[in-house]
Amino acid sequence: MENKNTEKVENVDLILKSTWLAVSKMYSEMAQDHDATAVQALTLLKIDPKAGTRSTNLGPKMAIEPTSLTRIIKLLEDNGYIYKEKTTNDKREVIIKLTDKGLNSRNMSKEVVVNFNKTIMEKIPQEKLEVFKEVMTEIQKITSDLNKKK
């Protein structure tokens, strides 16, 4: 009987990992078609298209390390997707803003994400999606609690 429980735990982990890898691969391949990466597209999506976004707020929004984010921001800036603007209050603080090219790429990325979510919602009944969200929230809580115990 214990083997079944152990097997289920391993299956949850495997399902999470293989599903995320499949989604990640799909987004990466779509981004490559536009000479970009999925992380660059995600970064553009996290920048407010009208007001811009403080550089210090981007990392937490994306769950990404500051050093990695710095590289991504530099690449996006070098390729003309974004520009930096210093705030009037604190000259050390920088707001990342989209250029027209960046806004166009952001809109394309948003369309891809919206279409993917729409496809999922068309193929999976609402009740199942609600249960999925509840289960994923519980898994996040469990992993968070386990990380706190370290």
N, C-alpha and C. Protein backbone atom coordinates (compact mmCIF):
# COMPACT_ATOMS: atom_id res chain seq x y z
N MET A 1 0.83 -1.21 0.00
CA MET A 1 0.00 0.00 0.00
C MET A 1 0.87 1.26 0.00
N GLU A 2 1.95 1.25 0.74
CA GLU A 2 2.82 2.42 0.82
C GLU A 2 3.46 2.75 -0.53
N ASN A 3 3.74 1.75 -1.31
CA ASN A 3 4.33 1.98 -2.63
C ASN A 3 3.43 2.84 -3.49
N LYS A 4 2.13 2.60 -3.40
CA LYS A 4 1.18 3.39 -4.20
C LYS A 4 1.28 4.87 -3.84
N ASN A 5 1.34 5.19 -2.55
CA ASN A 5 1.43 6.58 -2.12
C ASN A 5 2.72 7.22 -2.58
N THR A 6 3.82 6.51 -2.46
CA THR A 6 5.11 7.02 -2.90
C THR A 6 5.07 7.27 -4.40
N GLU A 7 4.48 6.33 -5.12
CA GLU A 7 4.39 6.46 -6.58
C GLU A 7 3.57 7.69 -6.97
N LYS A 8 2.48 7.94 -6.25
CA LYS A 8 1.65 9.11 -6.54
C LYS A 8 2.42 10.40 -6.34
N VAL A 9 3.21 10.49 -5.28
CA VAL A 9 4.00 11.69 -5.02
C VAL A 9 4.97 11.91 -6.17
N GLU A 10 5.65 10.84 -6.60
CA GLU A 10 6.59 10.95 -7.72
C GLU A 10 5.86 11.37 -8.98
N ASN A 11 4.66 10.85 -9.20
CA ASN A 11 3.90 11.20 -10.39
C ASN A 11 3.50 12.67 -10.40
N VAL A 12 3.14 13.22 -9.24
CA VAL A 12 2.77 14.64 -9.17
C VAL A 12 3.96 15.48 -9.63
N ASP A 13 5.12 15.17 -9.09
CA ASP A 13 6.34 15.88 -9.44
C ASP A 13 6.63 15.76 -10.94
N LEU A 14 6.51 14.57 -11.46
CA LEU A 14 6.77 14.33 -12.89
C LEU A 14 5.75 15.04 -13.77
N ILE A 15 4.50 15.01 -13.39
CA ILE A 15 3.46 15.69 -14.16
C ILE A 15 3.71 17.20 -14.19
N LEU A 16 4.01 17.77 -13.03
CA LEU A 16 4.30 19.21 -12.96
C LEU A 16 5.48 19.57 -13.87
N LYS A 17 6.55 18.81 -13.74
CA LYS A 17 7.76 19.11 -14.50
C LYS A 17 7.55 18.92 -16.00
N SER A 18 6.97 17.81 -16.41
CA SER A 18 6.81 17.56 -17.84
C SER A 18 5.81 18.53 -18.47
N THR A 19 4.77 18.92 -17.73
CA THR A 19 3.80 19.88 -18.25
C THR A 19 4.46 21.24 -18.42
N TRP A 20 5.20 21.69 -17.40
CA TRP A 20 5.86 22.98 -17.52
C TRP A 20 6.89 22.96 -18.66
N LEU A 21 7.62 21.86 -18.81
CA LEU A 21 8.60 21.78 -19.91
C LEU A 21 7.92 21.87 -21.27
N ALA A 22 6.75 21.24 -21.40
CA ALA A 22 6.01 21.30 -22.66
C ALA A 22 5.53 22.72 -22.96
N VAL A 23 5.00 23.40 -21.95
CA VAL A 23 4.53 24.78 -22.12
C VAL A 23 5.72 25.68 -22.43
N SER A 24 6.78 25.51 -21.70
CA SER A 24 7.99 26.31 -21.88
C SER A 24 8.57 26.12 -23.28
N LYS A 25 8.60 24.88 -23.73
CA LYS A 25 9.11 24.58 -25.08
C LYS A 25 8.24 25.25 -26.15
N MET A 26 6.92 25.18 -25.96
CA MET A 26 6.00 25.81 -26.90
C MET A 26 6.26 27.32 -26.99
N TYR A 27 6.36 27.98 -25.82
CA TYR A 27 6.61 29.42 -25.81
C TYR A 27 7.99 29.74 -26.40
N SER A 28 8.98 28.94 -26.10
CA SER A 28 10.33 29.17 -26.61
C SER A 28 10.37 29.07 -28.13
N GLU A 29 9.70 28.07 -28.67
CA GLU A 29 9.69 27.89 -30.13
C GLU A 29 8.95 29.04 -30.81
N MET A 30 7.87 29.50 -30.22
CA MET A 30 7.13 30.63 -30.78
C MET A 30 7.99 31.89 -30.74
N ALA A 31 8.71 32.09 -29.64
CA ALA A 31 9.57 33.27 -29.50
C ALA A 31 10.71 33.21 -30.52
N GLN A 32 11.27 32.03 -30.73
CA GLN A 32 12.37 31.86 -31.69
C GLN A 32 11.94 32.26 -33.10
N ASP A 33 10.68 32.02 -33.42
CA ASP A 33 10.16 32.42 -34.74
C ASP A 33 10.27 33.93 -34.94
N HIS A 34 10.39 34.66 -33.83
CA HIS A 34 10.48 36.12 -33.89
C HIS A 34 11.84 36.61 -33.38
N ASP A 35 12.84 35.73 -33.46
CA ASP A 35 14.21 36.06 -33.03
C ASP A 35 14.27 36.58 -31.61
N ALA A 36 13.53 35.94 -30.72
CA ALA A 36 13.51 36.34 -29.32
C ALA A 36 13.52 35.08 -28.45
N THR A 37 13.50 35.29 -27.14
CA THR A 37 13.37 34.16 -26.22
C THR A 37 12.06 34.33 -25.44
N ALA A 38 11.62 33.25 -24.84
CA ALA A 38 10.39 33.30 -24.04
C ALA A 38 10.57 34.24 -22.84
N VAL A 39 11.77 34.27 -22.27
CA VAL A 39 12.02 35.14 -21.12
C VAL A 39 11.95 36.62 -21.53
N GLN A 40 12.46 36.92 -22.73
CA GLN A 40 12.36 38.29 -23.23
C GLN A 40 10.89 38.67 -23.42
N ALA A 41 10.11 37.76 -23.98
CA ALA A 41 8.68 38.02 -24.19
C ALA A 41 7.98 38.22 -22.85
N LEU A 42 8.31 37.38 -21.86
CA LEU A 42 7.71 37.51 -20.53
C LEU A 42 8.07 38.86 -19.91
N THR A 43 9.31 39.28 -20.10
CA THR A 43 9.75 40.57 -19.57
C THR A 43 8.92 41.70 -20.17
N LEU A 44 8.73 41.66 -21.48
CA LEU A 44 7.93 42.70 -22.14
C LEU A 44 6.50 42.70 -21.60
N LEU A 45 5.96 41.50 -21.32
CA LEU A 45 4.59 41.41 -20.80
C LEU A 45 4.47 42.00 -19.40
N LYS A 46 5.54 41.98 -18.64
CA LYS A 46 5.51 42.48 -17.26
C LYS A 46 5.75 43.99 -17.17
N ILE A 47 6.04 44.62 -18.30
CA ILE A 47 6.24 46.07 -18.31
C ILE A 47 4.92 46.75 -18.64
N ASP A 48 4.51 47.66 -17.78
CA ASP A 48 3.27 48.40 -18.01
C ASP A 48 3.41 49.19 -19.32
N PRO A 49 2.50 48.94 -20.28
CA PRO A 49 2.64 49.58 -21.60
C PRO A 49 2.48 51.10 -21.60
N LYS A 50 1.80 51.64 -20.61
CA LYS A 50 1.59 53.09 -20.58
C LYS A 50 2.60 53.80 -19.67
N ALA A 51 2.67 53.37 -18.42
CA ALA A 51 3.50 54.07 -17.42
C ALA A 51 4.91 53.52 -17.30
N GLY A 52 5.15 52.34 -17.86
CA GLY A 52 6.43 51.69 -17.64
C GLY A 52 6.42 51.00 -16.28
N THR A 53 7.54 50.36 -15.94
CA THR A 53 7.63 49.62 -14.69
C THR A 53 9.00 49.87 -14.07
N ARG A 54 9.01 50.09 -12.75
CA ARG A 54 10.29 50.28 -12.06
C ARG A 54 11.12 49.01 -12.23
N SER A 55 12.40 49.18 -12.50
CA SER A 55 13.27 48.02 -12.71
C SER A 55 13.29 47.12 -11.47
N THR A 56 13.19 47.72 -10.28
CA THR A 56 13.21 46.94 -9.04
C THR A 56 11.95 46.09 -8.87
N ASN A 57 10.87 46.44 -9.57
CA ASN A 57 9.62 45.67 -9.47
C ASN A 57 9.56 44.51 -10.47
N LEU A 58 10.40 44.55 -11.50
CA LEU A 58 10.34 43.52 -12.53
C LEU A 58 10.76 42.14 -12.02
N GLY A 59 11.86 42.08 -11.28
CA GLY A 59 12.37 40.80 -10.78
C GLY A 59 11.32 40.01 -10.02
N PRO A 60 10.72 40.60 -8.98
CA PRO A 60 9.70 39.88 -8.22
C PRO A 60 8.49 39.47 -9.09
N LYS A 61 8.12 40.29 -10.07
CA LYS A 61 6.98 39.96 -10.94
C LYS A 61 7.27 38.72 -11.78
N MET A 62 8.56 38.48 -12.06
CA MET A 62 8.95 37.40 -12.94
C MET A 62 9.57 36.22 -12.21
N ALA A 63 9.79 36.35 -10.90
CA ALA A 63 10.47 35.32 -10.11
C ALA A 63 11.83 35.00 -10.74
N ILE A 64 12.62 36.06 -10.94
CA ILE A 64 13.91 35.90 -11.61
C ILE A 64 14.98 36.65 -10.81
N GLU A 65 16.19 36.12 -10.82
CA GLU A 65 17.30 36.72 -10.10
C GLU A 65 17.70 38.07 -10.71
N PRO A 66 18.11 39.03 -9.87
CA PRO A 66 18.50 40.35 -10.39
C PRO A 66 19.59 40.32 -11.46
N THR A 67 20.59 39.44 -11.30
CA THR A 67 21.67 39.39 -12.30
C THR A 67 21.15 38.92 -13.66
N SER A 68 20.27 37.94 -13.65
CA SER A 68 19.67 37.46 -14.92
C SER A 68 18.82 38.56 -15.53
N LEU A 69 18.06 39.25 -14.69
CA LEU A 69 17.19 40.32 -15.17
C LEU A 69 18.01 41.45 -15.79
N THR A 70 19.13 41.77 -15.18
CA THR A 70 20.00 42.82 -15.71
C THR A 70 20.45 42.48 -17.13
N ARG A 71 20.83 41.22 -17.35
CA ARG A 71 21.24 40.78 -18.70
C ARG A 71 20.10 40.90 -19.69
N ILE A 72 18.91 40.47 -19.29
CA ILE A 72 17.73 40.52 -20.17
C ILE A 72 17.40 41.96 -20.51
N ILE A 73 17.40 42.84 -19.52
CA ILE A 73 17.08 44.25 -19.74
C ILE A 73 18.09 44.88 -20.69
N LYS A 74 19.37 44.56 -20.49
CA LYS A 74 20.41 45.11 -21.38
C LYS A 74 20.19 44.65 -22.82
N LEU A 75 19.89 43.37 -22.99
CA LEU A 75 19.65 42.82 -24.33
C LEU A 75 18.43 43.49 -24.98
N LEU A 76 17.35 43.63 -24.22
CA LEU A 76 16.14 44.27 -24.75
C LEU A 76 16.41 45.73 -25.12
N GLU A 77 17.21 46.39 -24.30
CA GLU A 77 17.55 47.79 -24.58
C GLU A 77 18.44 47.89 -25.82
N ASP A 78 19.45 47.02 -25.90
CA ASP A 78 20.37 47.01 -27.06
C ASP A 78 19.63 46.72 -28.36
N ASN A 79 18.57 45.92 -28.27
CA ASN A 79 17.81 45.56 -29.47
C ASN A 79 16.63 46.48 -29.76
N GLY A 80 16.50 47.55 -28.97
CA GLY A 80 15.50 48.58 -29.26
C GLY A 80 14.08 48.29 -28.80
N TYR A 81 13.92 47.37 -27.84
CA TYR A 81 12.58 47.06 -27.34
C TYR A 81 12.16 47.95 -26.18
N ILE A 82 13.15 48.40 -25.41
CA ILE A 82 12.88 49.20 -24.22
C ILE A 82 13.88 50.34 -24.11
N TYR A 83 13.54 51.29 -23.25
CA TYR A 83 14.51 52.32 -22.86
C TYR A 83 14.32 52.60 -21.38
N LYS A 84 15.35 53.17 -20.78
CA LYS A 84 15.31 53.46 -19.35
C LYS A 84 15.10 54.95 -19.15
N GLU A 85 14.31 55.26 -18.12
CA GLU A 85 14.04 56.65 -17.78
C GLU A 85 14.24 56.80 -16.27
N LYS A 86 15.05 57.76 -15.87
CA LYS A 86 15.26 57.99 -14.43
C LYS A 86 14.03 58.70 -13.86
N THR A 87 13.69 58.37 -12.62
CA THR A 87 12.55 59.04 -11.99
C THR A 87 12.98 60.43 -11.55
N THR A 88 12.03 61.30 -11.38
CA THR A 88 12.35 62.67 -10.98
C THR A 88 12.71 62.73 -9.50
N ASN A 89 12.13 61.85 -8.68
CA ASN A 89 12.37 61.87 -7.23
C ASN A 89 13.77 61.35 -6.88
N ASP A 90 14.11 60.19 -7.38
CA ASP A 90 15.36 59.53 -7.02
C ASP A 90 16.10 59.17 -8.30
N LYS A 91 17.18 59.82 -8.57
CA LYS A 91 17.92 59.63 -9.83
C LYS A 91 18.50 58.22 -9.97
N ARG A 92 18.60 57.48 -8.84
CA ARG A 92 19.10 56.10 -8.92
C ARG A 92 18.01 55.15 -9.41
N GLU A 93 16.77 55.54 -9.23
CA GLU A 93 15.64 54.69 -9.60
C GLU A 93 15.35 54.83 -11.09
N VAL A 94 15.13 53.68 -11.73
CA VAL A 94 14.94 53.66 -13.18
C VAL A 94 13.59 53.03 -13.51
N ILE A 95 12.89 53.64 -14.47
CA ILE A 95 11.64 53.07 -14.98
C ILE A 95 11.94 52.53 -16.37
N ILE A 96 11.53 51.29 -16.59
CA ILE A 96 11.71 50.65 -17.89
C ILE A 96 10.46 50.93 -18.71
N LYS A 97 10.65 51.48 -19.90
CA LYS A 97 9.52 51.79 -20.77
C LYS A 97 9.69 51.10 -22.12
N LEU A 98 8.57 50.83 -22.75
CA LEU A 98 8.58 50.15 -24.04
C LEU A 98 8.74 51.16 -25.18
N THR A 99 9.53 50.78 -26.19
CA THR A 99 9.58 51.55 -27.43
C THR A 99 8.41 51.06 -28.28
N ASP A 100 8.19 51.65 -29.44
CA ASP A 100 7.13 51.17 -30.34
C ASP A 100 7.39 49.71 -30.72
N LYS A 101 8.66 49.40 -30.99
CA LYS A 101 9.04 48.01 -31.33
C LYS A 101 8.71 47.08 -30.15
N GLY A 102 9.03 47.53 -28.94
CA GLY A 102 8.75 46.74 -27.74
C GLY A 102 7.26 46.55 -27.52
N LEU A 103 6.49 47.60 -27.76
CA LEU A 103 5.04 47.52 -27.61
C LEU A 103 4.44 46.54 -28.61
N ASN A 104 4.92 46.58 -29.85
CA ASN A 104 4.45 45.62 -30.87
C ASN A 104 4.77 44.20 -30.47
N SER A 105 5.99 43.96 -29.98
CA SER A 105 6.38 42.62 -29.54
C SER A 105 5.58 42.19 -28.32
N ARG A 106 5.32 43.13 -27.41
CA ARG A 106 4.52 42.84 -26.23
C ARG A 106 3.11 42.42 -26.64
N ASN A 107 2.53 43.15 -27.59
CA ASN A 107 1.18 42.82 -28.06
C ASN A 107 1.14 41.45 -28.71
N MET A 108 2.18 41.11 -29.47
CA MET A 108 2.26 39.78 -30.09
C MET A 108 2.35 38.70 -29.02
N SER A 109 3.20 38.94 -28.02
CA SER A 109 3.37 37.98 -26.92
C SER A 109 2.06 37.80 -26.15
N LYS A 110 1.38 38.91 -25.91
CA LYS A 110 0.11 38.86 -25.18
C LYS A 110 -0.91 38.04 -25.95
N GLU A 111 -0.94 38.22 -27.26
CA GLU A 111 -1.87 37.46 -28.11
C GLU A 111 -1.60 35.95 -28.01
N VAL A 112 -0.32 35.58 -28.00
CA VAL A 112 0.06 34.16 -27.88
C VAL A 112 -0.44 33.60 -26.55
N VAL A 113 -0.20 34.33 -25.47
CA VAL A 113 -0.61 33.88 -24.14
C VAL A 113 -2.13 33.79 -24.04
N VAL A 114 -2.82 34.81 -24.53
CA VAL A 114 -4.29 34.82 -24.50
C VAL A 114 -4.85 33.66 -25.31
N ASN A 115 -4.30 33.43 -26.50
CA ASN A 115 -4.78 32.32 -27.34
C ASN A 115 -4.53 30.97 -26.70
N PHE A 116 -3.37 30.81 -26.07
CA PHE A 116 -3.08 29.55 -25.37
C PHE A 116 -4.10 29.32 -24.26
N ASN A 117 -4.34 30.35 -23.45
CA ASN A 117 -5.30 30.22 -22.35
C ASN A 117 -6.71 29.96 -22.86
N LYS A 118 -7.06 30.62 -23.97
CA LYS A 118 -8.38 30.41 -24.57
C LYS A 118 -8.54 28.96 -25.04
N THR A 119 -7.49 28.43 -25.65
CA THR A 119 -7.51 27.04 -26.12
C THR A 119 -7.69 26.08 -24.96
N ILE A 120 -6.96 26.33 -23.88
CA ILE A 120 -7.09 25.48 -22.68
C ILE A 120 -8.52 25.53 -22.16
N MET A 121 -9.08 26.74 -22.08
CA MET A 121 -10.43 26.90 -21.55
C MET A 121 -11.50 26.28 -22.45
N GLU A 122 -11.23 26.23 -23.75
CA GLU A 122 -12.18 25.60 -24.68
C GLU A 122 -12.14 24.09 -24.57
N LYS A 123 -10.99 23.54 -24.23
CA LYS A 123 -10.82 22.08 -24.25
C LYS A 123 -10.99 21.42 -22.88
N ILE A 124 -10.90 22.23 -21.82
CA ILE A 124 -11.02 21.67 -20.47
C ILE A 124 -12.21 22.34 -19.79
N PRO A 125 -13.16 21.54 -19.29
CA PRO A 125 -14.34 22.12 -18.63
C PRO A 125 -13.97 23.01 -17.44
N GLN A 126 -14.77 24.05 -17.22
CA GLN A 126 -14.55 25.04 -16.17
C GLN A 126 -14.39 24.39 -14.79
N GLU A 127 -15.20 23.37 -14.49
CA GLU A 127 -15.11 22.73 -13.17
C GLU A 127 -13.73 22.12 -12.98
N LYS A 128 -13.20 21.48 -14.02
CA LYS A 128 -11.88 20.87 -13.92
C LYS A 128 -10.80 21.92 -13.75
N LEU A 129 -10.94 23.05 -14.44
CA LEU A 129 -9.96 24.13 -14.30
C LEU A 129 -9.97 24.70 -12.88
N GLU A 130 -11.15 24.80 -12.28
CA GLU A 130 -11.25 25.30 -10.90
C GLU A 130 -10.53 24.35 -9.95
N VAL A 131 -10.74 23.04 -10.13
CA VAL A 131 -10.07 22.05 -9.29
C VAL A 131 -8.55 22.14 -9.51
N PHE A 132 -8.14 22.28 -10.77
CA PHE A 132 -6.72 22.41 -11.10
C PHE A 132 -6.11 23.60 -10.36
N LYS A 133 -6.78 24.75 -10.38
CA LYS A 133 -6.28 25.95 -9.71
C LYS A 133 -6.17 25.71 -8.20
N GLU A 134 -7.18 25.06 -7.63
CA GLU A 134 -7.15 24.77 -6.20
C GLU A 134 -5.98 23.86 -5.85
N VAL A 135 -5.78 22.82 -6.65
CA VAL A 135 -4.69 21.87 -6.40
C VAL A 135 -3.33 22.56 -6.55
N MET A 136 -3.18 23.38 -7.60
CA MET A 136 -1.90 24.07 -7.80
C MET A 136 -1.63 25.05 -6.66
N THR A 137 -2.66 25.71 -6.16
CA THR A 137 -2.50 26.62 -5.02
C THR A 137 -2.05 25.84 -3.79
N GLU A 138 -2.64 24.67 -3.57
CA GLU A 138 -2.25 23.83 -2.44
C GLU A 138 -0.80 23.36 -2.58
N ILE A 139 -0.42 22.96 -3.78
CA ILE A 139 0.96 22.52 -4.02
C ILE A 139 1.93 23.67 -3.75
N GLN A 140 1.57 24.88 -4.17
CA GLN A 140 2.42 26.05 -3.89
C GLN A 140 2.57 26.27 -2.39
N LYS A 141 1.46 26.14 -1.65
CA LYS A 141 1.51 26.32 -0.19
C LYS A 141 2.40 25.26 0.45
N ILE A 142 2.24 24.03 0.01
CA ILE A 142 3.03 22.92 0.57
C ILE A 142 4.51 23.13 0.30
N THR A 143 4.85 23.49 -0.93
CA THR A 143 6.27 23.70 -1.24
C THR A 143 6.83 24.91 -0.50
N SER A 144 6.01 25.93 -0.34
CA SER A 144 6.44 27.11 0.42
C SER A 144 6.70 26.73 1.88
N ASP A 145 5.79 25.96 2.46
CA ASP A 145 5.96 25.52 3.85
C ASP A 145 7.22 24.64 4.00
N LEU A 146 7.43 23.75 3.05
CA LEU A 146 8.62 22.89 3.10
C LEU A 146 9.89 23.71 2.97
N ASN A 147 9.87 24.74 2.14
CA ASN A 147 11.05 25.60 1.98
C ASN A 147 11.34 26.40 3.25
N LYS A 148 10.28 26.78 3.99
CA LYS A 148 10.45 27.54 5.23
C LYS A 148 11.07 26.69 6.32
N LYS A 149 10.86 25.36 6.27
CA LYS A 149 11.37 24.46 7.30
C LYS A 149 12.87 24.23 7.18
N LYS A 150 13.46 24.61 6.06
CA LYS A 150 14.91 24.38 5.86
C LYS A 150 15.74 25.17 6.84
